[in-house]
Amino acid sequence: MNAQNTLPAIEHLTVAERLRLLERLWDSLQADEAHLPVPDWHRQGLAARREAYERDGVSLSVDAVLIYAVYHQGRDPKTLKKQLD
């Protein structure tokens, strides 16, 4: 499949059709979950969220995890933001 030819075709789909396509893509990624790399900073952020929840019953926001990644792991905030957008 040629991605450059596929994108214009996708743009002509209705919103509902694009959402169904997105769901199918997501499902296909989940099927190959074992092959998806998970960076250490992501694991540490999730561990911090779990610890806070188990300790205080409070779920940390995504922003709190980003702050952790930026300030405690030395991640570049601009690069990190681009990766999450």
Protein backbone atom coordinates (compact mmCIF):
# COMPACT_ATOMS: atom_id res chain seq x y z
CA MET A 1 0.00 0.00 0.00
CA ASN A 2 1.27 3.45 -0.90
CA ALA A 3 0.56 5.89 1.94
CA GLN A 4 0.69 8.92 -0.38
CA ASN A 5 -2.13 7.47 -2.49
CA THR A 6 -4.12 6.37 0.55
CA LEU A 7 -4.29 9.74 2.32
CA PRO A 8 -6.31 11.53 -0.38
CA ALA A 9 -8.71 8.58 -0.46
CA ILE A 10 -9.15 8.76 3.31
CA GLU A 11 -9.85 12.50 3.17
CA HIS A 12 -12.86 11.80 0.92
CA LEU A 13 -14.47 9.47 3.46
CA THR A 14 -17.27 10.69 5.69
CA VAL A 15 -16.52 11.32 9.36
CA ALA A 16 -18.32 8.11 10.31
CA GLU A 17 -16.28 6.13 7.77
CA ARG A 18 -13.02 7.64 9.03
CA LEU A 19 -13.97 6.78 12.62
CA ARG A 20 -14.67 3.17 11.62
CA LEU A 21 -11.31 3.07 9.82
CA LEU A 22 -9.60 4.49 12.89
CA GLU A 23 -11.22 1.82 15.08
CA ARG A 24 -10.00 -0.90 12.72
CA LEU A 25 -6.48 0.55 12.73
CA TRP A 26 -6.50 0.72 16.53
CA ASP A 27 -7.70 -2.88 16.75
CA SER A 28 -4.93 -3.98 14.38
CA LEU A 29 -2.33 -2.22 16.57
CA GLN A 30 -3.70 -3.90 19.68
CA ALA A 31 -3.42 -7.26 17.95
CA ASP A 32 0.33 -6.61 17.54
CA GLU A 33 0.71 -5.05 20.99
CA ALA A 34 3.68 -7.23 21.90
CA HIS A 35 5.65 -5.66 19.04
CA LEU A 36 4.98 -2.04 20.02
CA PRO A 37 7.87 -0.38 21.83
CA VAL A 38 7.07 1.28 25.15
CA PRO A 39 9.71 3.79 26.28
CA ASP A 40 10.93 3.70 29.87
CA TRP A 41 9.64 7.23 30.57
CA HIS A 42 6.14 6.04 29.66
CA ARG A 43 6.38 3.04 31.99
CA GLN A 44 7.64 5.28 34.81
CA GLY A 45 4.84 7.79 34.29
CA LEU A 46 2.24 5.03 34.41
CA ALA A 47 3.87 3.58 37.52
CA ALA A 48 3.65 7.01 39.19
CA ARG A 49 -0.04 7.23 38.31
CA ARG A 50 -0.70 3.75 39.72
CA GLU A 51 1.23 4.47 42.94
CA ALA A 52 -0.69 7.72 43.48
CA TYR A 53 -3.98 5.94 42.91
CA GLU A 54 -3.13 3.07 45.25
CA ARG A 55 -1.77 5.43 47.91
CA ASP A 56 -4.30 8.26 47.76
CA GLY A 57 -7.12 7.01 45.57
CA VAL A 58 -6.26 9.86 43.21
CA SER A 59 -5.66 9.43 39.52
CA LEU A 60 -2.94 11.69 38.14
CA SER A 61 -3.81 13.65 35.04
CA VAL A 62 -1.97 13.25 31.77
CA ASP A 63 -0.50 16.71 32.44
CA ALA A 64 1.00 15.46 35.69
CA VAL A 65 2.61 12.57 33.85
CA LEU A 66 4.01 14.99 31.26
CA ILE A 67 5.44 17.17 34.01
CA TYR A 68 7.07 14.08 35.50
CA ALA A 69 8.55 13.13 32.13
CA VAL A 70 9.85 16.64 31.44
CA TYR A 71 11.28 17.56 34.82
CA HIS A 72 12.31 14.22 36.26
CA GLN A 73 13.40 12.42 33.13
CA GLY A 74 14.96 15.35 31.28
CA ARG A 75 12.60 14.98 28.33
CA ASP A 76 12.32 17.89 25.89
CA PRO A 77 8.80 19.32 26.30
CA LYS A 78 8.46 20.38 22.65
CA THR A 79 9.48 16.95 21.35
CA LEU A 80 7.25 15.23 23.89
CA LYS A 81 4.28 17.42 22.97
CA LYS A 82 4.76 16.62 19.26
CA GLN A 83 4.84 12.90 20.03
CA LEU A 84 1.55 13.13 21.91
CA ASP A 85 -0.28 15.31 19.38
